[in-house]
C-alpha atoms as a PDB file:
ATOM      1  CA  MET A   1      18.041   9.298 -13.605  1.00  0.00           C
ATOM      2  CA  ASP A   2      14.348   9.917 -12.945  1.00  0.00           C
ATOM      3  CA  ARG A   3      13.588  10.445  -9.249  1.00  0.00           C
ATOM      4  CA  LEU A   4      10.768   8.172  -8.111  1.00  0.00           C
ATOM      5  CA  ILE A   5       8.535   8.177  -5.040  1.00  0.00           C
ATOM      6  CA  ALA A   6       6.205   5.255  -4.335  1.00  0.00           C
ATOM      7  CA  TYR A   7       2.807   5.682  -2.665  1.00  0.00           C
ATOM      8  CA  ILE A   8       1.340   2.423  -1.352  1.00  0.00           C
ATOM      9  CA  ASP A   9      -2.303   1.940  -0.371  1.00  0.00           C
ATOM     10  CA  GLY A  10      -1.791  -0.693   2.317  1.00  0.00           C
ATOM     11  CA  PHE A  11      -5.314  -2.084   2.619  1.00  0.00           C
ATOM     12  CA  ASN A  12      -5.854  -2.127  -1.144  1.00  0.00           C
ATOM     13  CA  LEU A  13      -2.695  -4.178  -1.580  1.00  0.00           C
ATOM     14  CA  TYR A  14      -3.522  -6.467   1.352  1.00  0.00           C
ATOM     15  CA  PHE A  15      -7.074  -7.251   0.204  1.00  0.00           C
ATOM     16  CA  GLY A  16      -5.880  -7.789  -3.352  1.00  0.00           C
ATOM     17  CA  MET A  17      -3.491 -10.491  -2.139  1.00  0.00           C
ATOM     18  CA  LYS A  18      -6.201 -11.865   0.163  1.00  0.00           C
ATOM     19  CA  ASP A  19      -8.726 -12.164  -2.669  1.00  0.00           C
ATOM     20  CA  LYS A  20      -6.081 -13.878  -4.768  1.00  0.00           C
ATOM     21  CA  GLY A  21      -5.396 -16.379  -1.988  1.00  0.00           C
ATOM     22  CA  TRP A  22      -1.790 -15.231  -1.601  1.00  0.00           C
ATOM     23  CA  ARG A  23      -1.513 -15.117   2.188  1.00  0.00           C
ATOM     24  CA  ARG A  24       2.080 -16.382   1.959  1.00  0.00           C
ATOM     25  CA  TYR A  25       3.053 -12.964   0.558  1.00  0.00           C
ATOM     26  CA  TYR A  26       1.626 -10.852   3.400  1.00  0.00           C
ATOM     27  CA  TRP A  27       5.094 -10.610   5.033  1.00  0.00           C
ATOM     28  CA  LEU A  28       6.066  -8.263   2.239  1.00  0.00           C
ATOM     29  CA  ASN A  29       9.121  -6.007   2.292  1.00  0.00           C
ATOM     30  CA  LEU A  30       7.562  -3.055   0.514  1.00  0.00           C
ATOM     31  CA  GLN A  31      10.857  -1.273  -0.024  1.00  0.00           C
ATOM     32  CA  LYS A  32      12.229  -4.385  -1.731  1.00  0.00           C
ATOM     33  CA  LEU A  33       9.054  -4.679  -3.806  1.00  0.00           C
ATOM     34  CA  ARG A  34       9.434  -1.090  -4.941  1.00  0.00           C
ATOM     35  CA  LYS A  35      13.073  -1.661  -5.881  1.00  0.00           C
ATOM     36  CA  ASN A  36      12.082  -4.804  -7.790  1.00  0.00           C
ATOM     37  CA  LEU A  37       9.673  -2.670  -9.814  1.00  0.00           C
ATOM     38  CA  LEU A  38      12.262   0.016 -10.611  1.00  0.00           C
ATOM     39  CA  LYS A  39      13.469   0.527 -14.149  1.00  0.00           C
ATOM     40  CA  SER A  40      17.138   1.069 -14.922  1.00  0.00           C
ATOM     41  CA  ASN A  41      16.689   4.809 -15.476  1.00  0.00           C
ATOM     42  CA  GLN A  42      14.861   5.369 -12.171  1.00  0.00           C
ATOM     43  CA  LYS A  43      16.232   6.224  -8.730  1.00  0.00           C
ATOM     44  CA  LEU A  44      14.092   5.496  -5.664  1.00  0.00           C
ATOM     45  CA  ILE A  45      13.829   8.535  -3.384  1.00  0.00           C
ATOM     46  CA  THR A  46      11.440   7.204  -0.755  1.00  0.00           C
ATOM     47  CA  THR A  47       8.455   4.937  -0.231  1.00  0.00           C
ATOM     48  CA  LYS A  48       5.296   6.148   1.503  1.00  0.00           C
ATOM     49  CA  TYR A  49       2.974   3.564   3.013  1.00  0.00           C
ATOM     50  CA  PHE A  50      -0.623   4.407   3.944  1.00  0.00           C
ATOM     51  CA  THR A  51      -2.644   2.250   6.315  1.00  0.00           C
ATOM     52  CA  ALA A  52      -4.652   2.314   9.560  1.00  0.00           C
ATOM     53  CA  ARG A  53      -4.251   0.279  12.727  1.00  0.00           C
ATOM     54  CA  ILE A  54      -7.089  -2.184  13.208  1.00  0.00           C
ATOM     55  CA  THR A  55      -8.640  -2.518  16.658  1.00  0.00           C
ATOM     56  CA  ASP A  56     -10.270  -5.946  16.493  1.00  0.00           C
ATOM     57  CA  PRO A  57      -9.976  -8.936  16.637  1.00  0.00           C
ATOM     58  CA  PRO A  58      -6.859  -9.195  18.862  1.00  0.00           C
ATOM     59  CA  ASP A  59      -5.101 -11.866  16.757  1.00  0.00           C
ATOM     60  CA  LYS A  60      -5.339  -9.777  13.588  1.00  0.00           C
ATOM     61  CA  GLN A  61      -4.258  -6.686  15.492  1.00  0.00           C
ATOM     62  CA  LYS A  62      -1.179  -8.548  16.756  1.00  0.00           C
ATOM     63  CA  ARG A  63      -0.221  -9.688  13.250  1.00  0.00           C
ATOM     64  CA  GLN A  64      -0.619  -6.202  11.844  1.00  0.00           C
ATOM     65  CA  SER A  65       1.439  -4.685  14.670  1.00  0.00           C
ATOM     66  CA  ALA A  66       4.299  -7.103  13.965  1.00  0.00           C
ATOM     67  CA  TYR A  67       4.183  -6.195  10.289  1.00  0.00           C
ATOM     68  CA  ILE A  68       4.148  -2.430  10.877  1.00  0.00           C
ATOM     69  CA  GLU A  69       7.057  -2.837  13.300  1.00  0.00           C
ATOM     70  CA  ALA A  70       9.009  -4.676  10.602  1.00  0.00           C
ATOM     71  CA  LEU A  71       8.242  -1.944   8.067  1.00  0.00           C
ATOM     72  CA  SER A  72       9.341   0.762  10.513  1.00  0.00           C
ATOM     73  CA  LEU A  73      12.909  -0.601  10.325  1.00  0.00           C
ATOM     74  CA  LEU A  74      13.221   0.132   6.592  1.00  0.00           C
ATOM     75  CA  ASN A  75      15.348   3.008   5.324  1.00  0.00           C
ATOM     76  CA  ASP A  76      13.790   5.804   3.258  1.00  0.00           C
ATOM     77  CA  PHE A  77      10.359   4.542   4.235  1.00  0.00           C
ATOM     78  CA  GLU A  78       7.499   6.543   5.771  1.00  0.00           C
ATOM     79  CA  ILE A  79       4.289   5.253   7.358  1.00  0.00           C
ATOM     80  CA  PHE A  80       1.113   7.352   7.325  1.00  0.00           C
ATOM     81  CA  LEU A  81      -1.721   6.203   9.572  1.00  0.00           C
ATOM     82  CA  GLY A  82      -5.376   6.908   8.893  1.00  0.00           C
ATOM     83  CA  LYS A  83      -8.346   5.709  10.927  1.00  0.00           C
ATOM     84  CA  TYR A  84     -10.048   2.344  11.182  1.00  0.00           C
ATOM     85  CA  GLN A  85     -13.609   2.485  12.413  1.00  0.00           C
ATOM     86  CA  LEU A  86     -16.649   0.243  12.755  1.00  0.00           C
ATOM     87  CA  ASN A  87     -19.799   1.422  10.987  1.00  0.00           C
ATOM     88  CA  LYS A  88     -23.263   0.104  11.814  1.00  0.00           C
ATOM     89  CA  TRP A  89     -25.052  -1.826   9.072  1.00  0.00           C
ATOM     90  CA  GLU A  90     -28.634  -3.061   9.262  1.00  0.00           C
ATOM     91  CA  CYS A  91     -29.656  -6.267   7.537  1.00  0.00           C
ATOM     92  CA  ALA A  92     -32.602  -5.571   5.232  1.00  0.00           C
ATOM     93  CA  SER A  93     -34.132  -8.997   5.963  1.00  0.00           C
ATOM     94  CA  CYS A  94     -33.805  -9.464   9.727  1.00  0.00           C
ATOM     95  CA  HIS A  95     -33.039  -5.850  10.732  1.00  0.00           C
ATOM     96  CA  SER A  96     -30.146  -7.002  12.894  1.00  0.00           C
ATOM     97  CA  LEU A  97     -27.273  -4.535  13.340  1.00  0.00           C
ATOM     98  CA  PHE A  98     -23.721  -5.495  12.455  1.00  0.00           C
ATOM     99  CA  ASP A  99     -20.390  -3.702  12.788  1.00  0.00           C
ATOM    100  CA  ILE A 100     -18.715  -3.338   9.396  1.00  0.00           C
ATOM    101  CA  PRO A 101     -15.031  -2.298   9.500  1.00  0.00           C
ATOM    102  CA  ASN A 102     -14.125   0.668   7.328  1.00  0.00           C
ATOM    103  CA  GLU A 103     -10.700   2.204   6.775  1.00  0.00           C
ATOM    104  CA  LYS A 104     -10.677   6.002   6.488  1.00  0.00           C
ATOM    105  CA  MET A 105      -8.324   8.713   5.231  1.00  0.00           C
ATOM    106  CA  THR A 106      -5.907   6.678   3.104  1.00  0.00           C
ATOM    107  CA  ASP A 107      -7.046   8.209  -0.198  1.00  0.00           C
ATOM    108  CA  VAL A 108      -6.948  11.721   1.322  1.00  0.00           C
ATOM    109  CA  ASN A 109      -3.480  11.168   2.772  1.00  0.00           C
ATOM    110  CA  ILE A 110      -2.152   9.848  -0.537  1.00  0.00           C
ATOM    111  CA  ALA A 111      -3.640  12.836  -2.375  1.00  0.00           C
ATOM    112  CA  VAL A 112      -2.056  15.304   0.056  1.00  0.00           C
ATOM    113  CA  GLU A 113       1.379  13.690  -0.164  1.00  0.00           C
ATOM    114  CA  LEU A 114       1.248  13.328  -3.953  1.00  0.00           C
ATOM    115  CA  LEU A 115       0.360  16.976  -4.535  1.00  0.00           C
ATOM    116  CA  THR A 116       2.778  18.240  -1.876  1.00  0.00           C
ATOM    117  CA  ASP A 117       5.659  16.273  -3.376  1.00  0.00           C
ATOM    118  CA  ALA A 118       4.757  17.535  -6.839  1.00  0.00           C
ATOM    119  CA  PHE A 119       4.708  21.184  -5.675  1.00  0.00           C
ATOM    120  CA  GLN A 120       8.044  20.707  -3.900  1.00  0.00           C
ATOM    121  CA  ASP A 121       9.497  19.007  -6.993  1.00  0.00           C
ATOM    122  CA  ASN A 122      10.456  15.909  -5.018  1.00  0.00           C
ATOM    123  CA  PHE A 123       9.884  13.452  -7.876  1.00  0.00           C
ATOM    124  CA  ASP A 124       9.896  13.034 -11.625  1.00  0.00           C
ATOM    125  CA  VAL A 125       7.873   9.814 -11.492  1.00  0.00           C
ATOM    126  CA  ALA A 126       5.239   8.826  -8.933  1.00  0.00           C
ATOM    127  CA  LEU A 127       4.329   5.164  -8.588  1.00  0.00           C
ATOM    128  CA  VAL A 128       0.926   4.678  -6.959  1.00  0.00           C
ATOM    129  CA  ILE A 129       0.172   1.147  -5.779  1.00  0.00           C
ATOM    130  CA  SER A 130      -3.611   1.135  -5.512  1.00  0.00           C
ATOM    131  CA  ALA A 131      -6.811   0.595  -7.480  1.00  0.00           C
ATOM    132  CA  ASP A 132      -8.868   3.136  -5.527  1.00  0.00           C
ATOM    133  CA  SER A 133     -10.769   5.273  -8.048  1.00  0.00           C
ATOM    134  CA  ASP A 134     -10.996   8.066  -5.443  1.00  0.00           C
ATOM    135  CA  LEU A 135      -7.414   8.874  -6.460  1.00  0.00           C
ATOM    136  CA  VAL A 136      -8.463   9.866  -9.979  1.00  0.00           C
ATOM    137  CA  ALA A 137      -9.106  13.521  -9.026  1.00  0.00           C
ATOM    138  CA  PRO A 138      -5.751  14.211  -7.306  1.00  0.00           C
ATOM    139  CA  ILE A 139      -3.874  12.409 -10.073  1.00  0.00           C
ATOM    140  CA  LYS A 140      -5.626  14.468 -12.760  1.00  0.00           C
ATOM    141  CA  LYS A 141      -4.909  17.673 -10.845  1.00  0.00           C
ATOM    142  CA  THR A 142      -1.246  16.750 -10.443  1.00  0.00           C
ATOM    143  CA  LYS A 143      -0.972  16.057 -14.174  1.00  0.00           C
ATOM    144  CA  GLU A 144      -2.765  19.328 -14.959  1.00  0.00           C
ATOM    145  CA  LEU A 145      -0.416  21.409 -12.789  1.00  0.00           C
ATOM    146  CA  PHE A 146       2.752  19.461 -13.589  1.00  0.00           C
ATOM    147  CA  PRO A 147       2.368  17.884 -17.049  1.00  0.00           C
ATOM    148  CA  SER A 148       6.031  16.849 -17.209  1.00  0.00           C
ATOM    149  CA  LYS A 149       5.703  14.589 -14.165  1.00  0.00           C
ATOM    150  CA  ARG A 150       4.739  10.989 -14.851  1.00  0.00           C
ATOM    151  CA  ILE A 151       2.305   9.021 -12.705  1.00  0.00           C
ATOM    152  CA  ILE A 152       2.301   5.229 -12.969  1.00  0.00           C
ATOM    153  CA  ILE A 153      -0.366   3.001 -11.416  1.00  0.00           C
ATOM    154  CA  ALA A 154       0.641  -0.435 -10.119  1.00  0.00           C
ATOM    155  CA  PHE A 155      -2.547  -2.398  -9.511  1.00  0.00           C
ATOM    156  CA  PRO A 156      -2.497  -4.933  -6.663  1.00  0.00           C
ATOM    157  CA  PRO A 157      -3.522  -8.508  -7.541  1.00  0.00           C
ATOM    158  CA  LYS A 158      -7.273  -8.857  -8.259  1.00  0.00           C
ATOM    159  CA  ARG A 159      -7.656  -5.080  -8.359  1.00  0.00           C
ATOM    160  CA  HIS A 160      -8.241  -2.761 -11.328  1.00  0.00           C
ATOM    161  CA  SER A 161      -9.812   0.575 -12.153  1.00  0.00           C
ATOM    162  CA  VAL A 162     -10.339   1.686 -15.747  1.00  0.00           C
ATOM    163  CA  THR A 163     -10.772   5.351 -14.749  1.00  0.00           C
ATOM    164  CA  LEU A 164      -7.601   5.283 -12.660  1.00  0.00           C
ATOM    165  CA  ALA A 165      -5.628   3.716 -15.512  1.00  0.00           C
ATOM    166  CA  LYS A 166      -6.874   6.390 -17.913  1.00  0.00           C
ATOM    167  CA  ALA A 167      -5.912   9.198 -15.530  1.00  0.00           C
ATOM    168  CA  ALA A 168      -2.305   7.976 -15.242  1.00  0.00           C
ATOM    169  CA  ASP A 169       0.488   7.902 -17.794  1.00  0.00           C
ATOM    170  CA  ALA A 170       0.763   4.114 -17.599  1.00  0.00           C
ATOM    171  CA  SER A 171      -0.427   1.181 -15.505  1.00  0.00           C
ATOM    172  CA  PHE A 172       0.313  -2.477 -14.843  1.00  0.00           C
ATOM    173  CA  THR A 173      -0.635  -5.233 -12.386  1.00  0.00           C
ATOM    174  CA  ILE A 174       1.850  -6.526  -9.824  1.00  0.00           C
ATOM    175  CA  GLY A 175       2.510 -10.190 -10.524  1.00  0.00           C
ATOM    176  CA  ARG A 176       3.175 -13.120  -8.233  1.00  0.00           C
ATOM    177  CA  LYS A 177       6.896 -13.335  -9.045  1.00  0.00           C
ATOM    178  CA  LYS A 178       7.511  -9.751  -7.935  1.00  0.00           C
ATOM    179  CA  LEU A 179       5.758 -10.432  -4.628  1.00  0.00           C
ATOM    180  CA  ALA A 180       7.512 -13.750  -4.077  1.00  0.00           C
ATOM    181  CA  SER A 181      10.940 -12.142  -4.528  1.00  0.00           C
ATOM    182  CA  SER A 182      10.161  -9.253  -2.155  1.00  0.00           C
ATOM    183  CA  LEU A 183       9.537 -10.951   1.194  1.00  0.00           C
ATOM    184  CA  PHE A 184      11.135 -10.204   4.539  1.00  0.00           C
ATOM    185  CA  PRO A 185      13.154 -13.016   6.138  1.00  0.00           C
ATOM    186  CA  GLN A 186      10.945 -14.945   8.564  1.00  0.00           C
ATOM    187  CA  LYS A 187      12.883 -13.470  11.506  1.00  0.00           C
ATOM    188  CA  ILE A 188      14.086  -9.858  11.677  1.00  0.00           C
ATOM    189  CA  LYS A 189      16.526  -8.708  14.338  1.00  0.00           C
ATOM    190  CA  LYS A 190      16.068  -5.160  15.619  1.00  0.00           C
ATOM    191  CA  PRO A 191      19.063  -3.012  16.659  1.00  0.00           C
ATOM    192  CA  ASP A 192      18.252  -3.717  20.332  1.00  0.00           C
ATOM    193  CA  GLY A 193      18.364  -7.467  19.697  1.00  0.00           C
ATOM    194  CA  TYR A 194      14.597  -8.052  19.762  1.00  0.00           C
ATOM    195  CA  ILE A 195      13.388 -10.523  17.122  1.00  0.00           C
ATOM    196  CA  ILE A 196      10.299  -9.795  15.025  1.00  0.00           C
ATOM    197  CA  GLU A 197       8.835 -12.953  13.506  1.00  0.00           C
ATOM    198  CA  CYS A 198       6.492 -13.467  10.603  1.00  0.00           C
ATOM    199  CA  PRO A 199       3.083 -14.449  12.035  1.00  0.00           C
ATOM    200  CA  GLU A 200       2.749 -18.224  11.928  1.00  0.00           C
ATOM    201  CA  ARG A 201      -0.634 -18.017  10.209  1.00  0.00           C
ATOM    202  CA  TRP A 202       0.949 -16.216   7.251  1.00  0.00           C
ATOM    203  CA  LEU A 203       3.353 -19.110   6.715  1.00  0.00           C
ATOM    204  CA  LYS A 204       0.493 -21.518   6.094  1.00  0.00           C
ATOM    205  CA  LYS A 205      -1.082 -22.037   2.694  1.00  0.00           C
ATOM    206  CA  GLU A 206      -4.658 -20.867   2.180  1.00  0.00           C
END
């Protein structure tokens, strides 16, 4: 059996589903998704999820917090937090200043974990769920140092990178059926009895 570790770019996956109009799949059990993507000769070792906590607006922050709390209950699942910051942007026409949200460190954190796991021989196959072309360099370096290890790219919906696909051993796009069959139940009971619920907004159609 090939040992597999999954590396998930949280914002890349989220915005891919958002651009596709698939809000009903936001309440996604990422461990279940990864298992649904496994081949018969692969054994899932762990799943690593990379994201950043948003700070504004409060309603979005609340929905994200509920989701991260649900993910934290999964077995063999690790969450890596980067930074989420607001950058100033000036309109060229009116010269007004706007705050543009920008997620930081996800690509760096994925690169560090990918190379560390390769050096420690923790996987035979790495599945990277992202379309971020910034990952081309660490993937090429991993392949250069460990040519026997396979790296597969799973593109989120509405996301693709030709250079990333070329750097990997294989690539594919995650389809709607895989997402639809990988959702959490609407209510999740924690060991202490507390109930985590899918945000009501995510239950509504776009």
